């Protein structure tokens, strides 16, 4: 059972990193060079990983935007 908790923890960390990378891309335009990854399979999955972070980022921004706890300046 301790292994399951570790897998959940690592998965949550990976999701946070992906969302952070999406925020960096949205705010600065900086993005990882996927062309530098030689293996096309790894490149494909890393692209999916980054797209999932974009989805998490979009959902978070939409949720915070509709919340009364946040305001736009």
PDB file of N, CA and C in Angstrom:
ATOM      1  N   UNK A   1       0.798  -1.203   0.000  1.00  0.00           N
ATOM      2  CA  UNK A   1       0.000   0.000   0.000  1.00  0.00           C
ATOM      3  C   UNK A   1       0.847   1.278   0.000  1.00  0.00           C
ATOM      4  N   UNK A   2       2.024   1.303   0.652  1.00  0.00           N
ATOM      5  CA  UNK A   2       2.836   2.521   0.612  1.00  0.00           C
ATOM      6  C   UNK A   2       3.265   2.889  -0.809  1.00  0.00           C
ATOM      7  N   UNK A   3       3.397   1.892  -1.682  1.00  0.00           N
ATOM      8  CA  UNK A   3       3.799   2.175  -3.054  1.00  0.00           C
ATOM      9  C   UNK A   3       2.717   2.961  -3.778  1.00  0.00           C
ATOM     10  N   UNK A   4       1.448   2.675  -3.502  1.00  0.00           N
ATOM     11  CA  UNK A   4       0.339   3.391  -4.129  1.00  0.00           C
ATOM     12  C   UNK A   4       0.367   4.865  -3.748  1.00  0.00           C
ATOM     13  N   UNK A   5       0.642   5.157  -2.494  1.00  0.00           N
ATOM     14  CA  UNK A   5       0.725   6.539  -2.037  1.00  0.00           C
ATOM     15  C   UNK A   5       1.856   7.287  -2.711  1.00  0.00           C
ATOM     16  N   UNK A   6       2.962   6.611  -2.916  1.00  0.00           N
ATOM     17  CA  UNK A   6       4.104   7.237  -3.582  1.00  0.00           C
ATOM     18  C   UNK A   6       3.780   7.531  -5.051  1.00  0.00           C
ATOM     19  N   UNK A   7       3.073   6.618  -5.707  1.00  0.00           N
ATOM     20  CA  UNK A   7       2.685   6.822  -7.108  1.00  0.00           C
ATOM     21  C   UNK A   7       1.739   8.008  -7.224  1.00  0.00           C
ATOM     22  N   UNK A   8       0.785   8.122  -6.302  1.00  0.00           N
ATOM     23  CA  UNK A   8      -0.140   9.257  -6.316  1.00  0.00           C
ATOM     24  C   UNK A   8       0.615  10.557  -6.083  1.00  0.00           C
ATOM     25  N   UNK A   9       1.555  10.550  -5.162  1.00  0.00           N
ATOM     26  CA  UNK A   9       2.346  11.746  -4.864  1.00  0.00           C
ATOM     27  C   UNK A   9       3.167  12.184  -6.080  1.00  0.00           C
ATOM     28  N   UNK A  10       3.841  11.255  -6.719  1.00  0.00           N
ATOM     29  CA  UNK A  10       4.653  11.573  -7.892  1.00  0.00           C
ATOM     30  C   UNK A  10       3.769  12.055  -9.036  1.00  0.00           C
ATOM     31  N   UNK A  11       2.601  11.449  -9.203  1.00  0.00           N
ATOM     32  CA  UNK A  11       1.672  11.879 -10.254  1.00  0.00           C
ATOM     33  C   UNK A  11       1.215  13.313 -10.021  1.00  0.00           C
ATOM     34  N   UNK A  12       0.887  13.646  -8.783  1.00  0.00           N
ATOM     35  CA  UNK A  12       0.471  15.010  -8.462  1.00  0.00           C
ATOM     36  C   UNK A  12       1.599  15.997  -8.725  1.00  0.00           C
ATOM     37  N   UNK A  13       2.825  15.621  -8.376  1.00  0.00           N
ATOM     38  CA  UNK A  13       3.977  16.483  -8.639  1.00  0.00           C
ATOM     39  C   UNK A  13       4.165  16.706 -10.137  1.00  0.00           C
ATOM     40  N   UNK A  14       4.025  15.648 -10.924  1.00  0.00           N
ATOM     41  CA  UNK A  14       4.164  15.782 -12.374  1.00  0.00           C
ATOM     42  C   UNK A  14       3.087  16.690 -12.961  1.00  0.00           C
ATOM     43  N   UNK A  15       1.867  16.602 -12.445  1.00  0.00           N
ATOM     44  CA  UNK A  15       0.791  17.475 -12.920  1.00  0.00           C
ATOM     45  C   UNK A  15       1.076  18.937 -12.580  1.00  0.00           C
ATOM     46  N   UNK A  16       1.603  19.180 -11.387  1.00  0.00           N
ATOM     47  CA  UNK A  16       1.946  20.549 -11.011  1.00  0.00           C
ATOM     48  C   UNK A  16       3.064  21.115 -11.872  1.00  0.00           C
ATOM     49  N   UNK A  17       4.056  20.309 -12.173  1.00  0.00           N
ATOM     50  CA  UNK A  17       5.152  20.760 -13.039  1.00  0.00           C
ATOM     51  C   UNK A  17       4.623  21.071 -14.435  1.00  0.00           C
ATOM     52  N   UNK A  18       3.743  20.221 -14.948  1.00  0.00           N
ATOM     53  CA  UNK A  18       3.181  20.440 -16.267  1.00  0.00           C
ATOM     54  C   UNK A  18       2.353  21.721 -16.306  1.00  0.00           C
ATOM     55  N   UNK A  19       1.555  21.966 -15.272  1.00  0.00           N
ATOM     56  CA  UNK A  19       0.766  23.196 -15.210  1.00  0.00           C
ATOM     57  C   UNK A  19       1.666  24.419 -15.081  1.00  0.00           C
ATOM     58  N   UNK A  20       2.744  24.280 -14.340  1.00  0.00           N
ATOM     59  CA  UNK A  20       3.711  25.381 -14.205  1.00  0.00           C
ATOM     60  C   UNK A  20       4.357  25.697 -15.548  1.00  0.00           C
ATOM     61  N   UNK A  21       4.735  24.671 -16.290  1.00  0.00           N
ATOM     62  CA  UNK A  21       5.310  24.887 -17.617  1.00  0.00           C
ATOM     63  C   UNK A  21       4.300  25.545 -18.551  1.00  0.00           C
ATOM     64  N   UNK A  22       3.027  25.205 -18.423  1.00  0.00           N
ATOM     65  CA  UNK A  22       1.990  25.838 -19.237  1.00  0.00           C
ATOM     66  C   UNK A  22       1.863  27.316 -18.880  1.00  0.00           C
ATOM     67  N   UNK A  23       1.935  27.634 -17.591  1.00  0.00           N
ATOM     68  CA  UNK A  23       1.885  29.027 -17.168  1.00  0.00           C
ATOM     69  C   UNK A  23       3.071  29.821 -17.669  1.00  0.00           C
ATOM     70  N   UNK A  24       4.238  29.215 -17.643  1.00  0.00           N
ATOM     71  CA  UNK A  24       5.434  29.881 -18.170  1.00  0.00           C
ATOM     72  C   UNK A  24       5.272  30.142 -19.657  1.00  0.00           C
ATOM     73  N   UNK A  25       4.731  29.160 -20.383  1.00  0.00           N
ATOM     74  CA  UNK A  25       4.539  29.336 -21.818  1.00  0.00           C
ATOM     75  C   UNK A  25       3.529  30.436 -22.111  1.00  0.00           C
ATOM     76  N   UNK A  26       2.449  30.475 -21.362  1.00  0.00           N
ATOM     77  CA  UNK A  26       1.409  31.483 -21.587  1.00  0.00           C
ATOM     78  C   UNK A  26       1.893  32.894 -21.251  1.00  0.00           C
ATOM     79  N   UNK A  27       2.688  33.024 -20.208  1.00  0.00           N
ATOM     80  CA  UNK A  27       3.089  34.358 -19.754  1.00  0.00           C
ATOM     81  C   UNK A  27       4.354  34.882 -20.412  1.00  0.00           C
ATOM     82  N   UNK A  28       5.243  33.993 -20.830  1.00  0.00           N
ATOM     83  CA  UNK A  28       6.512  34.455 -21.393  1.00  0.00           C
ATOM     84  C   UNK A  28       6.728  34.026 -22.836  1.00  0.00           C
ATOM     85  N   UNK A  29       6.036  32.994 -23.275  1.00  0.00           N
ATOM     86  CA  UNK A  29       6.256  32.473 -24.621  1.00  0.00           C
ATOM     87  C   UNK A  29       7.369  31.439 -24.690  1.00  0.00           C
ATOM     88  N   UNK A  30       8.029  31.191 -23.570  1.00  0.00           N
ATOM     89  CA  UNK A  30       9.098  30.196 -23.540  1.00  0.00           C
ATOM     90  C   UNK A  30       8.500  28.795 -23.487  1.00  0.00           C
ATOM     91  N   UNK A  31       9.026  27.902 -24.282  1.00  0.00           N
ATOM     92  CA  UNK A  31       8.524  26.534 -24.309  1.00  0.00           C
ATOM     93  C   UNK A  31       9.683  25.568 -24.520  1.00  0.00           C
ATOM     94  N   UNK A  32       9.572  24.348 -24.017  1.00  0.00           N
ATOM     95  CA  UNK A  32      10.641  23.372 -24.228  1.00  0.00           C
ATOM     96  C   UNK A  32      10.789  23.026 -25.717  1.00  0.00           C
ATOM     97  N   UNK A  33      12.019  22.778 -26.141  1.00  0.00           N
ATOM     98  CA  UNK A  33      12.285  22.378 -27.522  1.00  0.00           C
ATOM     99  C   UNK A  33      12.011  20.886 -27.668  1.00  0.00           C
ATOM    100  N   UNK A  34      10.878  20.565 -28.243  1.00  0.00           N
ATOM    101  CA  UNK A  34      10.558  19.156 -28.444  1.00  0.00           C
ATOM    102  C   UNK A  34      11.374  18.561 -29.583  1.00  0.00           C
ATOM    103  N   UNK A  35      11.863  19.409 -30.471  1.00  0.00           N
ATOM    104  CA  UNK A  35      12.660  18.921 -31.592  1.00  0.00           C
ATOM    105  C   UNK A  35      13.991  18.328 -31.144  1.00  0.00           C
ATOM    106  N   UNK A  36      14.456  18.721 -29.953  1.00  0.00           N
ATOM    107  CA  UNK A  36      15.736  18.211 -29.463  1.00  0.00           C
ATOM    108  C   UNK A  36      15.620  16.786 -28.923  1.00  0.00           C
ATOM    109  N   UNK A  37      14.397  16.291 -28.753  1.00  0.00           N
ATOM    110  CA  UNK A  37      14.188  14.914 -28.298  1.00  0.00           C
ATOM    111  C   UNK A  37      14.249  14.016 -29.533  1.00  0.00           C
ATOM    112  N   UNK A  38      15.200  13.097 -29.552  1.00  0.00           N
ATOM    113  CA  UNK A  38      15.448  12.286 -30.742  1.00  0.00           C
ATOM    114  C   UNK A  38      14.402  11.201 -30.957  1.00  0.00           C
ATOM    115  N   UNK A  39      13.966  10.570 -29.893  1.00  0.00           N
ATOM    116  CA  UNK A  39      13.015   9.466 -30.018  1.00  0.00           C
ATOM    117  C   UNK A  39      11.606  10.015 -30.276  1.00  0.00           C
ATOM    118  N   UNK A  40      10.986   9.672 -31.408  1.00  0.00           N
ATOM    119  CA  UNK A  40       9.651  10.229 -31.708  1.00  0.00           C
ATOM    120  C   UNK A  40       8.573   9.795 -30.722  1.00  0.00           C
ATOM    121  N   UNK A  41       8.710   8.619 -30.138  1.00  0.00           N
ATOM    122  CA  UNK A  41       7.712   8.161 -29.170  1.00  0.00           C
ATOM    123  C   UNK A  41       7.775   9.005 -27.904  1.00  0.00           C
ATOM    124  N   UNK A  42       8.964   9.261 -27.409  1.00  0.00           N
ATOM    125  CA  UNK A  42       9.119  10.093 -26.215  1.00  0.00           C
ATOM    126  C   UNK A  42       8.663  11.509 -26.515  1.00  0.00           C
ATOM    127  N   UNK A  43       8.982  12.018 -27.696  1.00  0.00           N
ATOM    128  CA  UNK A  43       8.559  13.359 -28.095  1.00  0.00           C
ATOM    129  C   UNK A  43       7.033  13.460 -28.104  1.00  0.00           C
ATOM    130  N   UNK A  44       6.361  12.427 -28.616  1.00  0.00           N
ATOM    131  CA  UNK A  44       4.903  12.414 -28.675  1.00  0.00           C
ATOM    132  C   UNK A  44       4.305  12.440 -27.271  1.00  0.00           C
ATOM    133  N   UNK A  45       4.823  11.600 -26.380  1.00  0.00           N
ATOM    134  CA  UNK A  45       4.280  11.540 -25.028  1.00  0.00           C
ATOM    135  C   UNK A  45       4.611  12.799 -24.222  1.00  0.00           C
ATOM    136  N   UNK A  46       5.767  13.388 -24.463  1.00  0.00           N
ATOM    137  CA  UNK A  46       6.099  14.632 -23.779  1.00  0.00           C
ATOM    138  C   UNK A  46       5.186  15.757 -24.270  1.00  0.00           C
ATOM    139  N   UNK A  47       4.848  15.750 -25.551  1.00  0.00           N
ATOM    140  CA  UNK A  47       3.895  16.718 -26.086  1.00  0.00           C
ATOM    141  C   UNK A  47       2.524  16.547 -25.459  1.00  0.00           C
ATOM    142  N   UNK A  48       2.087  15.296 -25.285  1.00  0.00           N
ATOM    143  CA  UNK A  48       0.807  15.032 -24.617  1.00  0.00           C
ATOM    144  C   UNK A  48       0.846  15.505 -23.163  1.00  0.00           C
ATOM    145  N   UNK A  49       1.985  15.282 -22.513  1.00  0.00           N
ATOM    146  CA  UNK A  49       2.165  15.723 -21.127  1.00  0.00           C
ATOM    147  C   UNK A  49       2.032  17.243 -21.030  1.00  0.00           C
ATOM    148  N   UNK A  50       2.649  17.964 -21.953  1.00  0.00           N
ATOM    149  CA  UNK A  50       2.553  19.419 -21.946  1.00  0.00           C
ATOM    150  C   UNK A  50       1.140  19.886 -22.274  1.00  0.00           C
ATOM    151  N   UNK A  51       0.453  19.207 -23.176  1.00  0.00           N
ATOM    152  CA  UNK A  51      -0.929  19.563 -23.500  1.00  0.00           C
ATOM    153  C   UNK A  51      -1.851  19.337 -22.305  1.00  0.00           C
ATOM    154  N   UNK A  52      -1.584  18.304 -21.535  1.00  0.00           N
ATOM    155  CA  UNK A  52      -2.384  18.060 -20.334  1.00  0.00           C
ATOM    156  C   UNK A  52      -2.176  19.186 -19.321  1.00  0.00           C
ATOM    157  N   UNK A  53      -0.965  19.674 -19.234  1.00  0.00           N
ATOM    158  CA  UNK A  53      -0.694  20.822 -18.362  1.00  0.00           C
ATOM    159  C   UNK A  53      -1.437  22.060 -18.819  1.00  0.00           C
ATOM    160  N   UNK A  54      -1.553  22.249 -20.140  1.00  0.00           N
ATOM    161  CA  UNK A  54      -2.335  23.362 -20.678  1.00  0.00           C
ATOM    162  C   UNK A  54      -3.789  23.244 -20.242  1.00  0.00           C
ATOM    163  N   UNK A  55      -4.329  22.032 -20.296  1.00  0.00           N
ATOM    164  CA  UNK A  55      -5.719  21.820 -19.886  1.00  0.00           C
ATOM    165  C   UNK A  55      -5.913  22.131 -18.410  1.00  0.00           C
ATOM    166  N   UNK A  56      -4.976  21.690 -17.589  1.00  0.00           N
ATOM    167  CA  UNK A  56      -5.049  21.968 -16.152  1.00  0.00           C
ATOM    168  C   UNK A  56      -4.968  23.473 -15.907  1.00  0.00           C
ATOM    169  N   UNK A  57      -4.077  24.137 -16.617  1.00  0.00           N
ATOM    170  CA  UNK A  57      -3.916  25.581 -16.470  1.00  0.00           C
ATOM    171  C   UNK A  57      -5.199  26.309 -16.877  1.00  0.00           C
ATOM    172  N   UNK A  58      -5.784  25.933 -18.010  1.00  0.00           N
ATOM    173  CA  UNK A  58      -7.027  26.555 -18.478  1.00  0.00           C
ATOM    174  C   UNK A  58      -8.152  26.359 -17.465  1.00  0.00           C
ATOM    175  N   UNK A  59      -8.286  25.145 -16.956  1.00  0.00           N
ATOM    176  CA  UNK A  59      -9.332  24.854 -15.978  1.00  0.00           C
ATOM    177  C   UNK A  59      -9.135  25.678 -14.709  1.00  0.00           C
ATOM    178  N   UNK A  60      -7.906  25.780 -14.246  1.00  0.00           N
ATOM    179  CA  UNK A  60      -7.616  26.535 -13.026  1.00  0.00           C
ATOM    180  C   UNK A  60      -7.921  28.010 -13.211  1.00  0.00           C
ATOM    181  N   UNK A  61      -7.516  28.571 -14.348  1.00  0.00           N
ATOM    182  CA  UNK A  61      -7.777  29.991 -14.610  1.00  0.00           C
ATOM    183  C   UNK A  61      -9.277  30.244 -14.714  1.00  0.00           C
ATOM    184  N   UNK A  62     -10.019  29.364 -15.375  1.00  0.00           N
ATOM    185  CA  UNK A  62     -11.464  29.528 -15.499  1.00  0.00           C
ATOM    186  C   UNK A  62     -12.147  29.426 -14.139  1.00  0.00           C
ATOM    187  N   UNK A  63     -11.706  28.493 -13.314  1.00  0.00           N
ATOM    188  CA  UNK A  63     -12.297  28.329 -11.985  1.00  0.00           C
ATOM    189  C   UNK A  63     -12.004  29.539 -11.106  1.00  0.00           C
ATOM    190  N   UNK A  64     -10.779  30.006 -11.133  1.00  0.00           N
ATOM    191  CA  UNK A  64     -10.427  31.174 -10.324  1.00  0.00           C
ATOM    192  C   UNK A  64     -11.128  32.433 -10.853  1.00  0.00           C
ATOM    193  N   UNK A  65     -11.292  32.534 -12.173  1.00  0.00           N
ATOM    194  CA  UNK A  65     -11.954  33.694 -12.759  1.00  0.00           C
ATOM    195  C   UNK A  65     -13.423  33.789 -12.393  1.00  0.00           C
ATOM    196  N   UNK A  66     -14.059  32.665 -12.165  1.00  0.00           N
ATOM    197  CA  UNK A  66     -15.474  32.681 -11.809  1.00  0.00           C
ATOM    198  C   UNK A  66     -15.697  32.689 -10.294  1.00  0.00           C
ATOM    199  N   UNK A  67     -14.631  32.658  -9.535  1.00  0.00           N
ATOM    200  CA  UNK A  67     -14.728  32.646  -8.078  1.00  0.00           C
ATOM    201  C   UNK A  67     -14.818  34.063  -7.540  1.00  0.00           C
ATOM    202  N   UNK A  68     -15.508  34.222  -6.440  1.00  0.00           N
ATOM    203  CA  UNK A  68     -15.619  35.534  -5.811  1.00  0.00           C
ATOM    204  C   UNK A  68     -14.359  35.876  -4.990  1.00  0.00           C
ATOM    205  N   UNK A  69     -13.471  34.923  -4.842  1.00  0.00           N
ATOM    206  CA  UNK A  69     -12.248  35.143  -4.062  1.00  0.00           C
ATOM    207  C   UNK A  69     -11.141  35.806  -4.878  1.00  0.00           C
ATOM    208  N   UNK A  70     -11.312  35.895  -6.200  1.00  0.00           N
ATOM    209  CA  UNK A  70     -10.313  36.484  -7.070  1.00  0.00           C
ATOM    210  C   UNK A  70     -10.932  37.635  -7.849  1.00  0.00           C
ATOM    211  N   UNK A  71     -10.107  38.637  -8.195  1.00  0.00           N
ATOM    212  CA  UNK A  71     -10.570  39.728  -9.041  1.00  0.00           C
ATOM    213  C   UNK A  71      -9.488  40.054 -10.056  1.00  0.00           C
ATOM    214  N   UNK A  72      -9.906  40.583 -11.185  1.00  0.00           N
ATOM    215  CA  UNK A  72      -8.951  40.951 -12.246  1.00  0.00           C
ATOM    216  C   UNK A  72      -8.552  42.411 -12.079  1.00  0.00           C
ATOM    217  N   UNK A  73      -7.294  42.696 -12.320  1.00  0.00           N
ATOM    218  CA  UNK A  73      -6.802  44.085 -12.236  1.00  0.00           C
ATOM    219  C   UNK A  73      -6.364  44.539 -13.590  1.00  0.00           C
TER     220      UNK A  73
END
